[in-house]
């Protein structure tokens, strides 16, 4: 019996993972999972509980009680925390500024990796999964692993546009800080997974990036 297709797409903030992953999933008729939204939802839930996010032990303890649910339709992905639709509140500056602290806590990563693996296992037709440790930790045996990158200026411009025209220079500085945290944390740091194909979207349109990855999937089939 052939195993369901898993396409793992990793990369730094602002590299275009979400739009690309949804597009690839839609094109290939696969499910879609945004693991970054899961970490944001956990962060939102802990903030709602008044947890001190600078205290890893407190974060780890409180995280056990949080209930997360991720919808995997690439055309209408959803994310709920404790029964609340948090698709919008997880994109606030407060959550954005705190998510790296939560994501660095090993117990949080253990909880969410378990949820992610369950979601992957429940997608019998295959799934595109995006994040920072998908190919390296969550599904290291994924048949297709992509490391999506773009130069800092392009990433900052993209993220600033997403945030309603925020200052690009400030956004680039914030992304540099996030990169440093993500790539140096002890638990599941951001790395290019073994066997991953690097796709540089700096000078490509979204459709061109999707075409490139769909071509890689087709070649691997």
N, C-alpha and C. Protein backbone atom coordinates (compact mmCIF):
# COMPACT_ATOMS: atom_id res chain seq x y z
N UNK A 1 0.85 -1.20 0.00
CA UNK A 1 0.00 0.00 0.00
C UNK A 1 0.88 1.24 0.00
N UNK A 2 0.62 2.16 -0.91
CA UNK A 2 1.41 3.38 -1.01
C UNK A 2 1.05 4.34 0.12
N UNK A 3 2.06 4.91 0.78
CA UNK A 3 1.81 5.86 1.86
C UNK A 3 1.31 7.18 1.29
N UNK A 4 0.43 7.89 2.04
CA UNK A 4 -0.05 9.18 1.57
C UNK A 4 1.12 10.16 1.38
N UNK A 5 1.00 11.02 0.39
CA UNK A 5 2.05 11.98 0.10
C UNK A 5 2.12 13.06 1.17
N UNK A 6 3.31 13.33 1.67
CA UNK A 6 3.54 14.43 2.60
C UNK A 6 4.57 15.36 1.96
N UNK A 7 4.19 16.62 1.80
CA UNK A 7 5.10 17.64 1.29
C UNK A 7 5.44 18.56 2.45
N UNK A 8 6.68 18.55 2.90
CA UNK A 8 7.14 19.37 4.02
C UNK A 8 7.78 20.65 3.49
N UNK A 9 7.23 21.79 3.89
CA UNK A 9 7.77 23.07 3.44
C UNK A 9 8.21 23.88 4.65
N UNK A 10 9.51 24.04 4.79
CA UNK A 10 10.09 24.81 5.89
C UNK A 10 10.70 26.10 5.35
N UNK A 11 11.00 27.01 6.27
CA UNK A 11 11.65 28.25 5.88
C UNK A 11 11.43 29.33 6.91
N UNK A 12 12.18 30.41 6.82
CA UNK A 12 12.08 31.49 7.80
C UNK A 12 10.81 32.32 7.62
N UNK A 13 10.54 33.19 8.59
CA UNK A 13 9.39 34.08 8.53
C UNK A 13 9.45 34.97 7.29
N UNK A 14 8.32 35.15 6.65
CA UNK A 14 8.25 36.06 5.51
C UNK A 14 8.74 35.48 4.21
N UNK A 15 9.04 34.18 4.18
CA UNK A 15 9.53 33.58 2.94
C UNK A 15 8.40 33.19 1.99
N UNK A 16 7.17 33.34 2.46
CA UNK A 16 6.02 33.03 1.60
C UNK A 16 5.49 31.63 1.79
N UNK A 17 5.80 30.99 2.92
CA UNK A 17 5.41 29.59 3.14
C UNK A 17 3.90 29.38 3.08
N UNK A 18 3.15 30.26 3.73
CA UNK A 18 1.71 30.03 3.84
C UNK A 18 1.01 30.09 2.49
N UNK A 19 1.22 31.18 1.77
CA UNK A 19 0.57 31.32 0.45
C UNK A 19 1.02 30.21 -0.49
N UNK A 20 2.31 29.91 -0.45
CA UNK A 20 2.85 28.87 -1.31
C UNK A 20 2.28 27.51 -0.95
N UNK A 21 2.27 27.18 0.32
CA UNK A 21 1.80 25.87 0.76
C UNK A 21 0.32 25.67 0.45
N UNK A 22 -0.48 26.69 0.67
CA UNK A 22 -1.91 26.59 0.33
C UNK A 22 -2.08 26.39 -1.16
N UNK A 23 -1.29 27.12 -1.96
CA UNK A 23 -1.39 26.99 -3.41
C UNK A 23 -0.98 25.62 -3.90
N UNK A 24 0.09 25.08 -3.33
CA UNK A 24 0.55 23.74 -3.72
C UNK A 24 -0.49 22.70 -3.33
N UNK A 25 -1.03 22.82 -2.12
CA UNK A 25 -2.04 21.86 -1.67
C UNK A 25 -3.28 21.90 -2.55
N UNK A 26 -3.71 23.11 -2.88
CA UNK A 26 -4.89 23.24 -3.75
C UNK A 26 -4.63 22.66 -5.13
N UNK A 27 -3.46 22.94 -5.68
CA UNK A 27 -3.12 22.46 -7.02
C UNK A 27 -3.06 20.93 -7.06
N UNK A 28 -2.58 20.32 -5.99
CA UNK A 28 -2.39 18.87 -5.97
C UNK A 28 -3.56 18.12 -5.33
N UNK A 29 -4.55 18.87 -4.84
CA UNK A 29 -5.70 18.23 -4.21
C UNK A 29 -5.36 17.60 -2.87
N UNK A 30 -4.46 18.25 -2.11
CA UNK A 30 -4.03 17.73 -0.83
C UNK A 30 -4.58 18.58 0.32
N UNK A 31 -4.53 18.03 1.53
CA UNK A 31 -4.85 18.80 2.72
C UNK A 31 -3.69 19.76 3.00
N UNK A 32 -3.89 20.65 3.96
CA UNK A 32 -2.90 21.68 4.27
C UNK A 32 -2.86 21.91 5.78
N UNK A 33 -1.67 22.00 6.35
CA UNK A 33 -1.53 22.27 7.77
C UNK A 33 -0.50 23.37 8.00
N UNK A 34 -0.94 24.42 8.70
CA UNK A 34 -0.08 25.55 9.04
C UNK A 34 0.36 25.38 10.49
N UNK A 35 1.56 24.85 10.70
CA UNK A 35 2.01 24.60 12.07
C UNK A 35 2.36 25.89 12.80
N UNK A 36 2.75 26.92 12.04
CA UNK A 36 3.03 28.20 12.68
C UNK A 36 1.78 28.76 13.35
N UNK A 37 0.62 28.58 12.73
CA UNK A 37 -0.64 29.04 13.32
C UNK A 37 -0.91 28.32 14.63
N UNK A 38 -0.46 27.06 14.73
CA UNK A 38 -0.66 26.31 15.96
C UNK A 38 0.16 26.92 17.10
N UNK A 39 1.40 27.30 16.81
CA UNK A 39 2.22 27.94 17.85
C UNK A 39 1.66 29.30 18.23
N UNK A 40 1.14 30.02 17.25
CA UNK A 40 0.52 31.31 17.53
C UNK A 40 -0.74 31.13 18.38
N UNK A 41 -1.54 30.10 18.05
CA UNK A 41 -2.76 29.85 18.82
C UNK A 41 -2.42 29.48 20.26
N UNK A 42 -1.39 28.68 20.44
CA UNK A 42 -0.95 28.34 21.80
C UNK A 42 -0.53 29.61 22.54
N UNK A 43 0.21 30.48 21.85
CA UNK A 43 0.65 31.73 22.46
C UNK A 43 -0.53 32.58 22.87
N UNK A 44 -1.51 32.71 21.98
CA UNK A 44 -2.72 33.48 22.27
C UNK A 44 -3.42 32.93 23.51
N UNK A 45 -3.57 31.61 23.57
CA UNK A 45 -4.26 30.99 24.69
C UNK A 45 -3.53 31.22 26.01
N UNK A 46 -2.21 31.16 25.98
CA UNK A 46 -1.43 31.39 27.20
C UNK A 46 -1.50 32.85 27.64
N UNK A 47 -1.51 33.76 26.66
CA UNK A 47 -1.68 35.18 26.99
C UNK A 47 -3.04 35.41 27.64
N UNK A 48 -4.08 34.76 27.10
CA UNK A 48 -5.41 34.89 27.68
C UNK A 48 -5.45 34.40 29.12
N UNK A 49 -4.61 33.42 29.43
CA UNK A 49 -4.57 32.87 30.78
C UNK A 49 -3.68 33.69 31.71
N UNK A 50 -2.99 34.68 31.17
CA UNK A 50 -2.12 35.50 31.99
C UNK A 50 -0.82 34.83 32.38
N UNK A 51 -0.39 33.85 31.60
CA UNK A 51 0.85 33.12 31.89
C UNK A 51 2.06 34.01 31.61
N UNK A 52 3.05 33.95 32.48
CA UNK A 52 4.30 34.68 32.26
C UNK A 52 5.10 33.94 31.20
N UNK A 53 5.15 34.49 30.00
CA UNK A 53 5.80 33.80 28.89
C UNK A 53 7.32 33.81 28.99
N UNK A 54 7.85 34.60 29.91
CA UNK A 54 9.30 34.58 30.17
C UNK A 54 9.69 33.45 31.12
N UNK A 55 8.70 32.69 31.59
CA UNK A 55 8.94 31.59 32.52
C UNK A 55 8.63 30.27 31.81
N UNK A 56 9.66 29.59 31.26
CA UNK A 56 9.43 28.36 30.50
C UNK A 56 8.66 27.29 31.28
N UNK A 57 8.91 27.19 32.58
CA UNK A 57 8.21 26.19 33.39
C UNK A 57 6.72 26.50 33.46
N UNK A 58 6.38 27.77 33.60
CA UNK A 58 4.97 28.16 33.66
C UNK A 58 4.29 27.93 32.31
N UNK A 59 5.02 28.23 31.23
CA UNK A 59 4.48 27.99 29.89
C UNK A 59 4.23 26.50 29.68
N UNK A 60 5.19 25.67 30.05
CA UNK A 60 5.06 24.22 29.87
C UNK A 60 3.89 23.67 30.66
N UNK A 61 3.73 24.14 31.88
CA UNK A 61 2.65 23.66 32.73
C UNK A 61 1.28 24.04 32.19
N UNK A 62 1.14 25.30 31.77
CA UNK A 62 -0.16 25.79 31.29
C UNK A 62 -0.52 25.23 29.92
N UNK A 63 0.48 24.89 29.12
CA UNK A 63 0.21 24.43 27.76
C UNK A 63 -0.59 23.15 27.72
N UNK A 64 -0.46 22.31 28.74
CA UNK A 64 -1.17 21.03 28.76
C UNK A 64 -2.68 21.20 28.70
N UNK A 65 -3.18 22.32 29.20
CA UNK A 65 -4.63 22.52 29.28
C UNK A 65 -5.23 23.15 28.03
N UNK A 66 -4.39 23.59 27.11
CA UNK A 66 -4.88 24.28 25.90
C UNK A 66 -5.35 23.27 24.87
N UNK A 67 -6.54 23.49 24.32
CA UNK A 67 -7.09 22.61 23.27
C UNK A 67 -6.98 23.33 21.92
N UNK A 68 -6.27 22.75 21.00
CA UNK A 68 -6.10 23.33 19.67
C UNK A 68 -6.75 22.43 18.62
N UNK A 69 -7.38 23.06 17.61
CA UNK A 69 -7.96 22.34 16.49
C UNK A 69 -7.60 23.08 15.21
N UNK A 70 -7.04 22.35 14.24
CA UNK A 70 -6.63 22.95 12.97
C UNK A 70 -7.44 22.35 11.83
N UNK A 71 -8.10 23.21 11.05
CA UNK A 71 -8.78 22.75 9.83
C UNK A 71 -7.77 22.66 8.72
N UNK A 72 -7.89 21.66 7.84
CA UNK A 72 -6.86 21.41 6.84
C UNK A 72 -7.31 21.62 5.40
N UNK A 73 -8.36 22.40 5.20
CA UNK A 73 -8.79 22.75 3.85
C UNK A 73 -7.91 23.90 3.36
N UNK A 74 -7.13 23.72 2.30
CA UNK A 74 -6.22 24.78 1.86
C UNK A 74 -6.94 26.05 1.42
N UNK A 75 -8.20 25.93 1.00
CA UNK A 75 -8.96 27.11 0.56
C UNK A 75 -9.63 27.83 1.73
N UNK A 76 -9.75 27.15 2.87
CA UNK A 76 -10.39 27.76 4.04
C UNK A 76 -9.82 27.16 5.32
N UNK A 77 -8.51 27.35 5.55
CA UNK A 77 -7.91 26.78 6.76
C UNK A 77 -8.45 27.47 8.01
N UNK A 78 -8.58 26.72 9.09
CA UNK A 78 -9.09 27.28 10.33
C UNK A 78 -8.17 26.92 11.49
N UNK A 79 -8.24 27.71 12.56
CA UNK A 79 -7.48 27.41 13.77
C UNK A 79 -8.32 27.86 14.96
N UNK A 80 -8.55 26.94 15.90
CA UNK A 80 -9.31 27.24 17.10
C UNK A 80 -8.47 26.91 18.33
N UNK A 81 -8.61 27.73 19.36
CA UNK A 81 -7.97 27.48 20.65
C UNK A 81 -9.06 27.51 21.71
N UNK A 82 -9.19 26.42 22.44
CA UNK A 82 -10.21 26.31 23.48
C UNK A 82 -11.60 26.64 22.94
N UNK A 83 -11.86 26.21 21.70
CA UNK A 83 -13.17 26.40 21.10
C UNK A 83 -13.40 27.75 20.47
N UNK A 84 -12.41 28.64 20.52
CA UNK A 84 -12.54 29.99 19.96
C UNK A 84 -11.80 30.08 18.62
N UNK A 85 -12.45 30.67 17.63
CA UNK A 85 -11.81 30.92 16.34
C UNK A 85 -10.77 32.02 16.54
N UNK A 86 -9.50 31.68 16.37
CA UNK A 86 -8.44 32.66 16.64
C UNK A 86 -7.65 33.04 15.39
N UNK A 87 -8.24 32.81 14.23
CA UNK A 87 -7.53 33.10 12.98
C UNK A 87 -7.06 34.55 12.91
N UNK A 88 -7.86 35.48 13.41
CA UNK A 88 -7.46 36.90 13.38
C UNK A 88 -6.61 37.30 14.58
N UNK A 89 -7.03 36.98 15.82
CA UNK A 89 -6.22 37.44 16.96
C UNK A 89 -4.81 36.90 17.02
N UNK A 90 -4.54 35.74 16.38
CA UNK A 90 -3.16 35.23 16.43
C UNK A 90 -2.21 36.02 15.55
N UNK A 91 -2.75 36.96 14.75
CA UNK A 91 -1.89 37.78 13.89
C UNK A 91 -1.60 39.15 14.48
N UNK A 92 -2.00 39.38 15.73
CA UNK A 92 -1.75 40.67 16.36
C UNK A 92 -0.28 40.83 16.71
N UNK A 93 0.14 42.08 16.91
CA UNK A 93 1.53 42.34 17.29
C UNK A 93 1.88 41.67 18.61
N UNK A 94 0.91 41.61 19.53
CA UNK A 94 1.18 40.99 20.84
C UNK A 94 1.57 39.53 20.68
N UNK A 95 0.82 38.80 19.87
CA UNK A 95 1.13 37.38 19.65
C UNK A 95 2.42 37.24 18.85
N UNK A 96 2.57 38.05 17.81
CA UNK A 96 3.77 37.98 16.98
C UNK A 96 5.03 38.20 17.81
N UNK A 97 4.96 39.13 18.75
CA UNK A 97 6.12 39.44 19.57
C UNK A 97 6.43 38.40 20.62
N UNK A 98 5.47 37.51 20.90
CA UNK A 98 5.66 36.55 21.99
C UNK A 98 5.80 35.11 21.51
N UNK A 99 5.44 34.82 20.26
CA UNK A 99 5.37 33.42 19.83
C UNK A 99 6.72 32.71 19.88
N UNK A 100 7.80 33.40 19.65
CA UNK A 100 9.11 32.74 19.69
C UNK A 100 9.45 32.23 21.09
N UNK A 101 9.01 32.97 22.12
CA UNK A 101 9.24 32.52 23.49
C UNK A 101 8.52 31.20 23.75
N UNK A 102 7.27 31.13 23.29
CA UNK A 102 6.47 29.92 23.51
C UNK A 102 7.01 28.76 22.67
N UNK A 103 7.36 29.05 21.42
CA UNK A 103 7.84 28.00 20.51
C UNK A 103 9.18 27.41 20.94
N UNK A 104 9.91 28.13 21.77
CA UNK A 104 11.22 27.66 22.21
C UNK A 104 11.13 26.69 23.39
N UNK A 105 9.95 26.55 23.98
CA UNK A 105 9.79 25.68 25.15
C UNK A 105 9.65 24.23 24.68
N UNK A 106 10.56 23.34 25.06
CA UNK A 106 10.54 21.97 24.55
C UNK A 106 9.22 21.24 24.74
N UNK A 107 8.57 21.41 25.89
CA UNK A 107 7.31 20.69 26.13
C UNK A 107 6.21 21.16 25.18
N UNK A 108 6.20 22.46 24.87
CA UNK A 108 5.23 22.97 23.89
C UNK A 108 5.47 22.30 22.54
N UNK A 109 6.71 22.20 22.15
CA UNK A 109 7.03 21.58 20.87
C UNK A 109 6.63 20.10 20.87
N UNK A 110 6.84 19.42 21.98
CA UNK A 110 6.42 18.02 22.06
C UNK A 110 4.91 17.89 21.87
N UNK A 111 4.15 18.74 22.55
CA UNK A 111 2.69 18.70 22.44
C UNK A 111 2.23 18.95 21.01
N UNK A 112 2.80 19.99 20.40
CA UNK A 112 2.31 20.37 19.07
C UNK A 112 2.82 19.43 17.98
N UNK A 113 4.02 18.91 18.13
CA UNK A 113 4.50 17.93 17.15
C UNK A 113 3.60 16.70 17.18
N UNK A 114 3.15 16.30 18.36
CA UNK A 114 2.23 15.17 18.46
C UNK A 114 0.92 15.47 17.74
N UNK A 115 0.38 16.68 17.94
CA UNK A 115 -0.84 17.09 17.24
C UNK A 115 -0.63 17.12 15.73
N UNK A 116 0.53 17.63 15.33
CA UNK A 116 0.83 17.72 13.90
C UNK A 116 0.92 16.35 13.25
N UNK A 117 1.58 15.44 13.92
CA UNK A 117 1.71 14.09 13.37
C UNK A 117 0.34 13.40 13.29
N UNK A 118 -0.52 13.68 14.25
CA UNK A 118 -1.87 13.11 14.20
C UNK A 118 -2.64 13.67 13.01
N UNK A 119 -2.52 14.98 12.79
CA UNK A 119 -3.22 15.61 11.66
C UNK A 119 -2.71 15.04 10.34
N UNK A 120 -1.41 14.82 10.25
CA UNK A 120 -0.83 14.24 9.04
C UNK A 120 -1.37 12.83 8.83
N UNK A 121 -1.45 12.07 9.90
CA UNK A 121 -1.95 10.71 9.79
C UNK A 121 -3.42 10.61 9.44
N UNK A 122 -4.16 11.68 9.72
CA UNK A 122 -5.60 11.70 9.44
C UNK A 122 -5.92 12.30 8.07
N UNK A 123 -4.90 12.56 7.27
CA UNK A 123 -5.10 13.11 5.92
C UNK A 123 -4.76 12.01 4.92
N UNK A 124 -5.69 11.07 4.68
CA UNK A 124 -5.37 9.90 3.86
C UNK A 124 -4.98 10.21 2.43
N UNK A 125 -5.45 11.34 1.90
CA UNK A 125 -5.11 11.67 0.52
C UNK A 125 -3.80 12.40 0.36
N UNK A 126 -3.12 12.69 1.48
CA UNK A 126 -1.87 13.43 1.44
C UNK A 126 -2.03 14.84 1.97
N UNK A 127 -0.93 15.48 2.29
CA UNK A 127 -0.99 16.78 2.95
C UNK A 127 0.28 17.59 2.69
N UNK A 128 0.12 18.91 2.61
CA UNK A 128 1.24 19.85 2.58
C UNK A 128 1.33 20.47 3.97
N UNK A 129 2.50 20.38 4.58
CA UNK A 129 2.69 20.88 5.94
C UNK A 129 3.78 21.94 5.92
N UNK A 130 3.47 23.09 6.48
CA UNK A 130 4.46 24.17 6.51
C UNK A 130 4.88 24.51 7.93
N UNK A 131 6.15 24.92 8.07
CA UNK A 131 6.63 25.31 9.38
C UNK A 131 8.12 25.59 9.37
N UNK A 132 8.78 25.25 10.47
CA UNK A 132 10.21 25.47 10.59
C UNK A 132 10.98 24.19 10.89
N UNK A 133 10.25 23.16 11.32
CA UNK A 133 10.93 21.91 11.66
C UNK A 133 10.19 20.70 11.09
N UNK A 134 9.47 20.90 9.98
CA UNK A 134 8.66 19.81 9.45
C UNK A 134 9.54 18.70 8.87
N UNK A 135 10.45 19.07 7.99
CA UNK A 135 11.32 18.07 7.38
C UNK A 135 12.41 17.56 8.30
N UNK A 136 12.75 18.35 9.32
CA UNK A 136 13.85 17.95 10.21
C UNK A 136 13.36 17.17 11.42
N UNK A 137 12.12 17.43 11.89
CA UNK A 137 11.64 16.82 13.12
C UNK A 137 10.28 16.15 12.97
N UNK A 138 9.30 16.87 12.44
CA UNK A 138 7.93 16.36 12.44
C UNK A 138 7.77 15.15 11.53
N UNK A 139 8.20 15.27 10.28
CA UNK A 139 8.16 14.14 9.34
C UNK A 139 9.47 14.07 8.56
N UNK A 140 10.55 13.64 9.23
CA UNK A 140 11.85 13.60 8.56
C UNK A 140 11.90 12.63 7.39
N UNK A 141 10.92 11.70 7.32
CA UNK A 141 10.89 10.77 6.19
C UNK A 141 9.92 11.21 5.10
N UNK A 142 9.49 12.48 5.14
CA UNK A 142 8.60 12.99 4.08
C UNK A 142 9.26 12.81 2.72
N UNK A 143 8.52 12.32 1.73
CA UNK A 143 9.12 12.08 0.41
C UNK A 143 9.52 13.35 -0.32
N UNK A 144 8.89 14.47 0.03
CA UNK A 144 9.25 15.76 -0.58
C UNK A 144 9.50 16.77 0.53
N UNK A 145 10.70 17.32 0.56
CA UNK A 145 11.05 18.33 1.56
C UNK A 145 11.58 19.57 0.84
N UNK A 146 10.97 20.70 1.17
CA UNK A 146 11.34 21.98 0.54
C UNK A 146 11.82 22.94 1.62
N UNK A 147 12.88 23.69 1.30
CA UNK A 147 13.33 24.77 2.18
C UNK A 147 13.15 26.06 1.39
N UNK A 148 12.11 26.81 1.74
CA UNK A 148 11.74 28.01 0.98
C UNK A 148 12.40 29.24 1.58
N UNK A 149 13.13 29.97 0.77
CA UNK A 149 13.86 31.15 1.24
C UNK A 149 13.58 32.35 0.34
N UNK A 150 13.99 33.50 0.82
CA UNK A 150 13.98 34.74 0.03
C UNK A 150 14.94 35.68 0.73
N UNK A 151 15.46 36.66 0.00
CA UNK A 151 16.43 37.54 0.66
C UNK A 151 15.70 38.43 1.68
N UNK A 152 16.45 38.99 2.66
CA UNK A 152 15.82 39.72 3.75
C UNK A 152 14.93 40.87 3.30
N UNK A 153 15.35 41.61 2.28
CA UNK A 153 14.55 42.75 1.83
C UNK A 153 13.21 42.29 1.25
N UNK A 154 13.24 41.20 0.48
CA UNK A 154 12.01 40.69 -0.11
C UNK A 154 11.08 40.16 0.97
N UNK A 155 11.63 39.47 1.94
CA UNK A 155 10.82 38.95 3.04
C UNK A 155 10.19 40.08 3.84
N UNK A 156 10.98 41.13 4.10
CA UNK A 156 10.46 42.26 4.88
C UNK A 156 9.36 42.99 4.12
N UNK A 157 9.56 43.18 2.81
CA UNK A 157 8.55 43.86 2.01
C UNK A 157 7.25 43.07 2.00
N UNK A 158 7.36 41.75 1.88
CA UNK A 158 6.18 40.89 1.87
C UNK A 158 5.45 40.96 3.21
N UNK A 159 6.19 40.85 4.30
CA UNK A 159 5.58 40.86 5.62
C UNK A 159 4.99 42.24 5.95
N UNK A 160 5.68 43.31 5.54
CA UNK A 160 5.17 44.66 5.78
C UNK A 160 3.85 44.88 5.04
N UNK A 161 3.77 44.36 3.81
CA UNK A 161 2.53 44.49 3.04
C UNK A 161 1.40 43.72 3.71
N UNK A 162 1.71 42.55 4.24
CA UNK A 162 0.71 41.75 4.94
C UNK A 162 0.20 42.47 6.18
N UNK A 163 1.05 43.29 6.77
CA UNK A 163 0.69 44.01 8.00
C UNK A 163 0.20 45.43 7.72
N UNK A 164 -0.37 45.62 6.54
CA UNK A 164 -1.00 46.90 6.23
C UNK A 164 -0.04 48.02 5.93
N UNK A 165 1.10 47.69 5.35
CA UNK A 165 2.05 48.73 4.96
C UNK A 165 2.95 49.18 6.09
N UNK A 166 3.30 48.26 6.98
CA UNK A 166 4.21 48.59 8.08
C UNK A 166 5.57 49.00 7.53
N UNK A 167 6.38 49.66 8.36
CA UNK A 167 7.69 50.13 7.95
C UNK A 167 8.59 48.94 7.58
N UNK A 168 9.09 48.94 6.35
CA UNK A 168 9.86 47.80 5.86
C UNK A 168 11.18 47.62 6.62
N UNK A 169 11.84 48.73 6.95
CA UNK A 169 13.13 48.61 7.66
C UNK A 169 12.93 48.02 9.05
N UNK A 170 11.89 48.48 9.74
CA UNK A 170 11.61 47.94 11.06
C UNK A 170 11.20 46.48 10.97
N UNK A 171 10.45 46.15 9.93
CA UNK A 171 10.02 44.77 9.74
C UNK A 171 11.22 43.88 9.47
N UNK A 172 12.17 44.35 8.66
CA UNK A 172 13.37 43.57 8.36
C UNK A 172 14.18 43.32 9.62
N UNK A 173 14.28 44.34 10.48
CA UNK A 173 15.01 44.18 11.74
C UNK A 173 14.32 43.16 12.64
N UNK A 174 12.98 43.21 12.68
CA UNK A 174 12.23 42.27 13.51
C UNK A 174 12.39 40.84 12.99
N UNK A 175 12.41 40.68 11.67
CA UNK A 175 12.60 39.35 11.09
C UNK A 175 13.99 38.80 11.40
N UNK A 176 14.99 39.69 11.43
CA UNK A 176 16.34 39.25 11.75
C UNK A 176 16.41 38.72 13.18
N UNK A 177 15.71 39.38 14.08
CA UNK A 177 15.66 38.92 15.47
C UNK A 177 14.97 37.57 15.54
N UNK A 178 13.84 37.45 14.82
CA UNK A 178 13.10 36.18 14.82
C UNK A 178 13.96 35.06 14.24
N UNK A 179 14.69 35.33 13.17
CA UNK A 179 15.58 34.32 12.58
C UNK A 179 16.61 33.84 13.59
N UNK A 180 17.18 34.79 14.33
CA UNK A 180 18.22 34.46 15.30
C UNK A 180 17.65 33.53 16.38
N UNK A 181 16.45 33.87 16.87
CA UNK A 181 15.82 33.05 17.91
C UNK A 181 15.49 31.67 17.36
N UNK A 182 14.87 31.64 16.19
CA UNK A 182 14.42 30.37 15.62
C UNK A 182 15.57 29.44 15.27
N UNK A 183 16.68 30.00 14.81
CA UNK A 183 17.79 29.16 14.35
C UNK A 183 18.74 28.75 15.46
N UNK A 184 18.64 29.38 16.64
CA UNK A 184 19.57 29.07 17.72
C UNK A 184 18.90 28.43 18.93
N UNK A 185 17.57 28.30 18.91
CA UNK A 185 16.91 27.68 20.07
C UNK A 185 17.36 26.22 20.19
N UNK A 186 17.31 25.72 21.42
CA UNK A 186 17.76 24.35 21.68
C UNK A 186 16.79 23.32 21.13
N UNK A 187 15.49 23.62 21.18
CA UNK A 187 14.46 22.66 20.75
C UNK A 187 14.08 22.90 19.30
N UNK A 188 14.38 21.93 18.46
CA UNK A 188 13.97 21.95 17.04
C UNK A 188 14.28 23.27 16.35
N UNK A 189 15.53 23.67 16.26
CA UNK A 189 15.85 24.93 15.60
C UNK A 189 15.53 24.90 14.11
N UNK A 190 15.36 26.09 13.55
CA UNK A 190 15.13 26.20 12.11
C UNK A 190 16.41 25.81 11.38
N UNK A 191 16.30 24.76 10.56
CA UNK A 191 17.44 24.30 9.76
C UNK A 191 16.93 23.81 8.42
N UNK A 192 17.83 23.73 7.47
CA UNK A 192 17.48 23.07 6.21
C UNK A 192 17.58 21.57 6.43
N UNK A 193 16.45 20.88 6.30
CA UNK A 193 16.42 19.45 6.58
C UNK A 193 17.28 18.68 5.57
N UNK A 194 17.81 17.57 6.02
CA UNK A 194 18.58 16.70 5.13
C UNK A 194 17.70 16.27 3.96
N UNK A 195 18.21 16.47 2.77
CA UNK A 195 17.46 16.08 1.58
C UNK A 195 16.48 17.11 1.07
N UNK A 196 16.37 18.24 1.76
CA UNK A 196 15.42 19.27 1.32
C UNK A 196 15.96 20.00 0.09
N UNK A 197 15.04 20.36 -0.80
CA UNK A 197 15.39 21.14 -1.99
C UNK A 197 15.17 22.62 -1.66
N UNK A 198 16.19 23.43 -1.87
CA UNK A 198 16.07 24.87 -1.62
C UNK A 198 15.36 25.54 -2.79
N UNK A 199 14.31 26.30 -2.48
CA UNK A 199 13.61 27.10 -3.49
C UNK A 199 13.71 28.55 -3.06
N UNK A 200 14.34 29.38 -3.88
CA UNK A 200 14.51 30.80 -3.58
C UNK A 200 13.44 31.59 -4.32
N UNK A 201 12.53 32.18 -3.55
CA UNK A 201 11.42 32.90 -4.15
C UNK A 201 11.64 34.40 -4.29
N UNK A 202 12.88 34.85 -4.08
CA UNK A 202 13.16 36.29 -4.10
C UNK A 202 12.66 36.96 -5.37
N UNK A 203 12.97 36.36 -6.51
CA UNK A 203 12.65 36.99 -7.79
C UNK A 203 11.55 36.24 -8.55
N UNK A 204 10.78 35.45 -7.83
CA UNK A 204 9.71 34.68 -8.46
C UNK A 204 8.35 35.18 -7.98
N UNK A 205 7.34 35.08 -8.83
CA UNK A 205 5.98 35.36 -8.40
C UNK A 205 5.48 34.17 -7.58
N UNK A 206 4.36 34.36 -6.89
CA UNK A 206 3.79 33.27 -6.12
C UNK A 206 3.48 32.08 -7.02
N UNK A 207 2.88 32.34 -8.17
CA UNK A 207 2.55 31.25 -9.09
C UNK A 207 3.79 30.51 -9.55
N UNK A 208 4.89 31.24 -9.75
CA UNK A 208 6.13 30.60 -10.19
C UNK A 208 6.71 29.71 -9.09
N UNK A 209 6.59 30.16 -7.84
CA UNK A 209 7.08 29.34 -6.73
C UNK A 209 6.23 28.07 -6.62
N UNK A 210 4.91 28.24 -6.73
CA UNK A 210 4.02 27.07 -6.68
C UNK A 210 4.34 26.11 -7.82
N UNK A 211 4.51 26.64 -9.02
CA UNK A 211 4.86 25.79 -10.18
C UNK A 211 6.15 25.01 -9.91
N UNK A 212 7.14 25.68 -9.35
CA UNK A 212 8.42 25.05 -9.07
C UNK A 212 8.25 23.88 -8.11
N UNK A 213 7.50 24.09 -7.04
CA UNK A 213 7.33 23.04 -6.04
C UNK A 213 6.47 21.90 -6.57
N UNK A 214 5.42 22.23 -7.30
CA UNK A 214 4.59 21.17 -7.92
C UNK A 214 5.45 20.33 -8.87
N UNK A 215 6.36 20.98 -9.57
CA UNK A 215 7.28 20.24 -10.45
C UNK A 215 8.17 19.31 -9.68
N UNK A 216 8.64 19.74 -8.51
CA UNK A 216 9.49 18.90 -7.66
C UNK A 216 8.69 17.70 -7.16
N UNK A 217 7.42 17.95 -6.77
CA UNK A 217 6.56 16.85 -6.30
C UNK A 217 6.33 15.85 -7.43
N UNK A 218 6.01 16.37 -8.60
CA UNK A 218 5.77 15.49 -9.74
C UNK A 218 7.00 14.63 -10.07
N UNK A 219 8.18 15.24 -9.99
CA UNK A 219 9.42 14.52 -10.29
C UNK A 219 9.70 13.43 -9.27
N UNK A 220 9.22 13.65 -8.02
CA UNK A 220 9.47 12.68 -6.96
C UNK A 220 8.46 11.55 -6.95
N UNK A 221 7.37 11.73 -7.70
CA UNK A 221 6.29 10.72 -7.68
C UNK A 221 6.66 9.49 -8.48
